[in-house]
């Protein structure tokens, strides 16, 4: 996803330095050399992020193989609130970003967002259930990236 057109290399290094200062893990993407203008930033999580769950894939998955859980039964009935409450209580949204500067000087980002348990085994949601975050807009991703790097 393109976050800025004709950006500077300084902006990329400012984001990376901000991430390191904020305590995030900044690593090379596998196969890249240190001179490559691409890095993966991980280690930022959002608690109470149940609002961001994408329920459509869960509903499709439940149609194929029904799972018994009060929050999932409520979701099948059209009420996502119990699932969101369960996620708020026992999961957090892990946000990983791969940022780069293209040859055309576009600042790009590939987000990887997923719900992870705060404490494994505490939630009684089926472990095989894929919990995906909804799609975020370019502005939302840019703001989340800047927040994770301590720049916003």
C-alpha atoms as a PDB file:
ATOM      1  CA  UNK A   1       0.000   0.000   0.000  1.00  0.00           C
ATOM      2  CA  UNK A   2       1.392   3.350  -0.999  1.00  0.00           C
ATOM      3  CA  UNK A   3       1.486   5.751   1.972  1.00  0.00           C
ATOM      4  CA  UNK A   4       3.297   8.674   0.316  1.00  0.00           C
ATOM      5  CA  UNK A   5       4.321   9.702  -3.177  1.00  0.00           C
ATOM      6  CA  UNK A   6       7.824  10.893  -3.883  1.00  0.00           C
ATOM      7  CA  UNK A   7       9.014  10.490  -0.334  1.00  0.00           C
ATOM      8  CA  UNK A   8      12.543  10.930   0.900  1.00  0.00           C
ATOM      9  CA  UNK A   9      14.937   8.337   2.202  1.00  0.00           C
ATOM     10  CA  UNK A  10      15.117  10.508   5.322  1.00  0.00           C
ATOM     11  CA  UNK A  11      11.450   9.778   6.029  1.00  0.00           C
ATOM     12  CA  UNK A  12      12.035   6.023   5.854  1.00  0.00           C
ATOM     13  CA  UNK A  13      15.009   6.219   8.232  1.00  0.00           C
ATOM     14  CA  UNK A  14      13.043   8.503  10.589  1.00  0.00           C
ATOM     15  CA  UNK A  15      10.273   5.892  10.780  1.00  0.00           C
ATOM     16  CA  UNK A  16      12.797   3.109  11.378  1.00  0.00           C
ATOM     17  CA  UNK A  17      14.674   5.116  14.040  1.00  0.00           C
ATOM     18  CA  UNK A  18      11.367   6.004  15.732  1.00  0.00           C
ATOM     19  CA  UNK A  19      10.405   2.339  15.804  1.00  0.00           C
ATOM     20  CA  UNK A  20      13.710   1.391  17.408  1.00  0.00           C
ATOM     21  CA  UNK A  21      13.390   4.161  20.000  1.00  0.00           C
ATOM     22  CA  UNK A  22       9.818   3.039  20.764  1.00  0.00           C
ATOM     23  CA  UNK A  23      11.137  -0.459  21.507  1.00  0.00           C
ATOM     24  CA  UNK A  24       9.817  -2.184  18.393  1.00  0.00           C
ATOM     25  CA  UNK A  25      11.683  -4.988  16.660  1.00  0.00           C
ATOM     26  CA  UNK A  26      13.183  -3.731  13.399  1.00  0.00           C
ATOM     27  CA  UNK A  27      14.574  -6.476  11.189  1.00  0.00           C
ATOM     28  CA  UNK A  28      15.734  -6.994   7.642  1.00  0.00           C
ATOM     29  CA  UNK A  29      13.330  -8.795   5.370  1.00  0.00           C
ATOM     30  CA  UNK A  30      14.689 -12.254   4.578  1.00  0.00           C
ATOM     31  CA  UNK A  31      17.072 -12.115   1.654  1.00  0.00           C
ATOM     32  CA  UNK A  32      17.664  -8.348   1.850  1.00  0.00           C
ATOM     33  CA  UNK A  33      21.052  -6.768   2.406  1.00  0.00           C
ATOM     34  CA  UNK A  34      21.466  -3.990   4.992  1.00  0.00           C
ATOM     35  CA  UNK A  35      21.658  -1.460   2.150  1.00  0.00           C
ATOM     36  CA  UNK A  36      18.150  -2.330   0.949  1.00  0.00           C
ATOM     37  CA  UNK A  37      15.582   0.314   1.897  1.00  0.00           C
ATOM     38  CA  UNK A  38      13.098  -2.188   3.359  1.00  0.00           C
ATOM     39  CA  UNK A  39      12.513  -3.212   6.964  1.00  0.00           C
ATOM     40  CA  UNK A  40       9.977  -5.131   9.025  1.00  0.00           C
ATOM     41  CA  UNK A  41       8.677  -3.384  12.144  1.00  0.00           C
ATOM     42  CA  UNK A  42       6.984  -5.598  14.718  1.00  0.00           C
ATOM     43  CA  UNK A  43       6.120  -5.603  18.396  1.00  0.00           C
ATOM     44  CA  UNK A  44       3.215  -3.145  18.499  1.00  0.00           C
ATOM     45  CA  UNK A  45      -0.136  -4.364  19.790  1.00  0.00           C
ATOM     46  CA  UNK A  46      -3.532  -2.792  20.325  1.00  0.00           C
ATOM     47  CA  UNK A  47      -5.521  -3.989  23.328  1.00  0.00           C
ATOM     48  CA  UNK A  48      -9.330  -3.881  23.293  1.00  0.00           C
ATOM     49  CA  UNK A  49      -9.367  -4.134  19.506  1.00  0.00           C
ATOM     50  CA  UNK A  50     -12.401  -6.411  19.145  1.00  0.00           C
ATOM     51  CA  UNK A  51     -14.090  -3.652  17.177  1.00  0.00           C
ATOM     52  CA  UNK A  52     -11.668  -4.360  14.311  1.00  0.00           C
ATOM     53  CA  UNK A  53     -12.666  -8.013  13.785  1.00  0.00           C
ATOM     54  CA  UNK A  54     -13.753  -8.987  10.287  1.00  0.00           C
ATOM     55  CA  UNK A  55     -16.791 -11.191  10.903  1.00  0.00           C
ATOM     56  CA  UNK A  56     -17.493 -12.186   7.268  1.00  0.00           C
ATOM     57  CA  UNK A  57     -14.722 -14.850   7.056  1.00  0.00           C
ATOM     58  CA  UNK A  58     -15.751 -16.210  10.455  1.00  0.00           C
ATOM     59  CA  UNK A  59     -19.349 -16.571   9.300  1.00  0.00           C
ATOM     60  CA  UNK A  60     -18.200 -18.402   6.144  1.00  0.00           C
ATOM     61  CA  UNK A  61     -16.030 -20.680   8.248  1.00  0.00           C
ATOM     62  CA  UNK A  62     -18.904 -21.394  10.646  1.00  0.00           C
ATOM     63  CA  UNK A  63     -21.154 -22.367   7.745  1.00  0.00           C
ATOM     64  CA  UNK A  64     -18.667 -25.095   6.776  1.00  0.00           C
ATOM     65  CA  UNK A  65     -17.944 -26.392  10.282  1.00  0.00           C
ATOM     66  CA  UNK A  66     -20.101 -25.263  13.181  1.00  0.00           C
ATOM     67  CA  UNK A  67     -18.274 -24.490  16.445  1.00  0.00           C
ATOM     68  CA  UNK A  68     -20.145 -24.291  19.756  1.00  0.00           C
ATOM     69  CA  UNK A  69     -19.274 -21.134  21.644  1.00  0.00           C
ATOM     70  CA  UNK A  70     -21.765 -18.565  23.012  1.00  0.00           C
ATOM     71  CA  UNK A  71     -20.077 -15.670  21.157  1.00  0.00           C
ATOM     72  CA  UNK A  72     -20.099 -17.592  17.862  1.00  0.00           C
ATOM     73  CA  UNK A  73     -23.739 -18.609  18.265  1.00  0.00           C
ATOM     74  CA  UNK A  74     -24.614 -14.951  18.881  1.00  0.00           C
ATOM     75  CA  UNK A  75     -22.602 -13.994  15.776  1.00  0.00           C
ATOM     76  CA  UNK A  76     -24.580 -16.497  13.707  1.00  0.00           C
ATOM     77  CA  UNK A  77     -27.705 -14.825  15.091  1.00  0.00           C
ATOM     78  CA  UNK A  78     -26.467 -11.443  13.854  1.00  0.00           C
ATOM     79  CA  UNK A  79     -24.964 -10.054  17.081  1.00  0.00           C
ATOM     80  CA  UNK A  80     -21.164  -9.517  16.932  1.00  0.00           C
ATOM     81  CA  UNK A  81     -20.990  -7.844  20.394  1.00  0.00           C
ATOM     82  CA  UNK A  82     -20.213 -11.022  22.415  1.00  0.00           C
ATOM     83  CA  UNK A  83     -17.366 -11.959  20.051  1.00  0.00           C
ATOM     84  CA  UNK A  84     -15.959  -8.437  20.271  1.00  0.00           C
ATOM     85  CA  UNK A  85     -16.165  -8.590  24.079  1.00  0.00           C
ATOM     86  CA  UNK A  86     -14.379 -11.954  24.086  1.00  0.00           C
ATOM     87  CA  UNK A  87     -11.619 -10.520  21.882  1.00  0.00           C
ATOM     88  CA  UNK A  88     -11.312  -7.412  24.056  1.00  0.00           C
ATOM     89  CA  UNK A  89     -10.923  -9.571  27.159  1.00  0.00           C
ATOM     90  CA  UNK A  90      -8.512 -12.231  25.891  1.00  0.00           C
ATOM     91  CA  UNK A  91      -6.853 -11.070  22.653  1.00  0.00           C
ATOM     92  CA  UNK A  92      -4.929  -8.127  21.311  1.00  0.00           C
ATOM     93  CA  UNK A  93      -4.334  -6.992  17.753  1.00  0.00           C
ATOM     94  CA  UNK A  94      -0.702  -7.549  16.763  1.00  0.00           C
ATOM     95  CA  UNK A  95       0.445  -5.031  14.156  1.00  0.00           C
ATOM     96  CA  UNK A  96       3.460  -5.761  11.963  1.00  0.00           C
ATOM     97  CA  UNK A  97       4.528  -3.481   9.129  1.00  0.00           C
ATOM     98  CA  UNK A  98       6.989  -3.988   6.296  1.00  0.00           C
ATOM     99  CA  UNK A  99       8.041  -0.544   5.089  1.00  0.00           C
ATOM    100  CA  UNK A 100      10.097   0.327   2.035  1.00  0.00           C
ATOM    101  CA  UNK A 101      11.049   3.068  -0.360  1.00  0.00           C
ATOM    102  CA  UNK A 102      10.621   2.114  -3.999  1.00  0.00           C
ATOM    103  CA  UNK A 103      12.888   3.100  -6.872  1.00  0.00           C
ATOM    104  CA  UNK A 104      10.237   5.698  -7.772  1.00  0.00           C
ATOM    105  CA  UNK A 105      10.575   7.082  -4.224  1.00  0.00           C
ATOM    106  CA  UNK A 106       7.133   5.963  -3.091  1.00  0.00           C
ATOM    107  CA  UNK A 107       6.922   5.153   0.617  1.00  0.00           C
ATOM    108  CA  UNK A 108       5.058   1.845   0.801  1.00  0.00           C
ATOM    109  CA  UNK A 109       3.879  -0.421   3.577  1.00  0.00           C
ATOM    110  CA  UNK A 110       2.628  -3.984   3.758  1.00  0.00           C
ATOM    111  CA  UNK A 111       0.616  -4.393   6.965  1.00  0.00           C
ATOM    112  CA  UNK A 112       0.188  -7.744   8.693  1.00  0.00           C
ATOM    113  CA  UNK A 113      -2.475  -7.525  11.407  1.00  0.00           C
ATOM    114  CA  UNK A 114      -3.717 -10.495  13.395  1.00  0.00           C
ATOM    115  CA  UNK A 115      -5.422 -11.217  16.677  1.00  0.00           C
ATOM    116  CA  UNK A 116      -3.238 -13.091  19.157  1.00  0.00           C
ATOM    117  CA  UNK A 117      -4.150 -14.341  22.631  1.00  0.00           C
ATOM    118  CA  UNK A 118      -2.863 -12.241  25.507  1.00  0.00           C
ATOM    119  CA  UNK A 119      -2.390 -15.434  27.540  1.00  0.00           C
ATOM    120  CA  UNK A 120      -2.517 -18.721  25.632  1.00  0.00           C
ATOM    121  CA  UNK A 121      -5.330 -21.006  26.780  1.00  0.00           C
ATOM    122  CA  UNK A 122      -7.270 -18.293  28.609  1.00  0.00           C
ATOM    123  CA  UNK A 123      -9.790 -17.777  25.814  1.00  0.00           C
ATOM    124  CA  UNK A 124     -12.159 -20.616  25.071  1.00  0.00           C
ATOM    125  CA  UNK A 125     -12.636 -19.676  21.411  1.00  0.00           C
ATOM    126  CA  UNK A 126     -11.827 -22.614  19.126  1.00  0.00           C
ATOM    127  CA  UNK A 127      -8.072 -22.473  18.401  1.00  0.00           C
ATOM    128  CA  UNK A 128      -8.548 -23.282  14.696  1.00  0.00           C
ATOM    129  CA  UNK A 129     -10.821 -20.246  14.220  1.00  0.00           C
ATOM    130  CA  UNK A 130      -9.036 -17.661  12.072  1.00  0.00           C
ATOM    131  CA  UNK A 131      -9.439 -14.228  13.609  1.00  0.00           C
ATOM    132  CA  UNK A 132      -8.726 -11.578  10.994  1.00  0.00           C
ATOM    133  CA  UNK A 133      -8.819  -7.833  11.293  1.00  0.00           C
ATOM    134  CA  UNK A 134     -10.971  -5.831   8.907  1.00  0.00           C
ATOM    135  CA  UNK A 135      -9.353  -3.993   6.033  1.00  0.00           C
ATOM    136  CA  UNK A 136      -7.906  -0.661   7.040  1.00  0.00           C
ATOM    137  CA  UNK A 137      -7.741   2.457   4.893  1.00  0.00           C
ATOM    138  CA  UNK A 138      -4.453   4.018   3.827  1.00  0.00           C
ATOM    139  CA  UNK A 139      -4.857   6.840   6.372  1.00  0.00           C
ATOM    140  CA  UNK A 140      -5.601   4.376   9.195  1.00  0.00           C
ATOM    141  CA  UNK A 141      -2.546   2.283   8.357  1.00  0.00           C
ATOM    142  CA  UNK A 142      -0.364   5.374   8.139  1.00  0.00           C
ATOM    143  CA  UNK A 143      -1.606   6.567  11.550  1.00  0.00           C
ATOM    144  CA  UNK A 144      -1.090   3.128  13.119  1.00  0.00           C
ATOM    145  CA  UNK A 145       2.433   2.963  11.678  1.00  0.00           C
ATOM    146  CA  UNK A 146       3.294   6.402  13.006  1.00  0.00           C
ATOM    147  CA  UNK A 147       1.819   5.549  16.440  1.00  0.00           C
ATOM    148  CA  UNK A 148       3.796   2.321  16.571  1.00  0.00           C
ATOM    149  CA  UNK A 149       6.965   4.282  15.842  1.00  0.00           C
ATOM    150  CA  UNK A 150       6.240   7.004  18.417  1.00  0.00           C
ATOM    151  CA  UNK A 151       5.843   9.642  15.715  1.00  0.00           C
ATOM    152  CA  UNK A 152       2.148  10.458  16.253  1.00  0.00           C
END
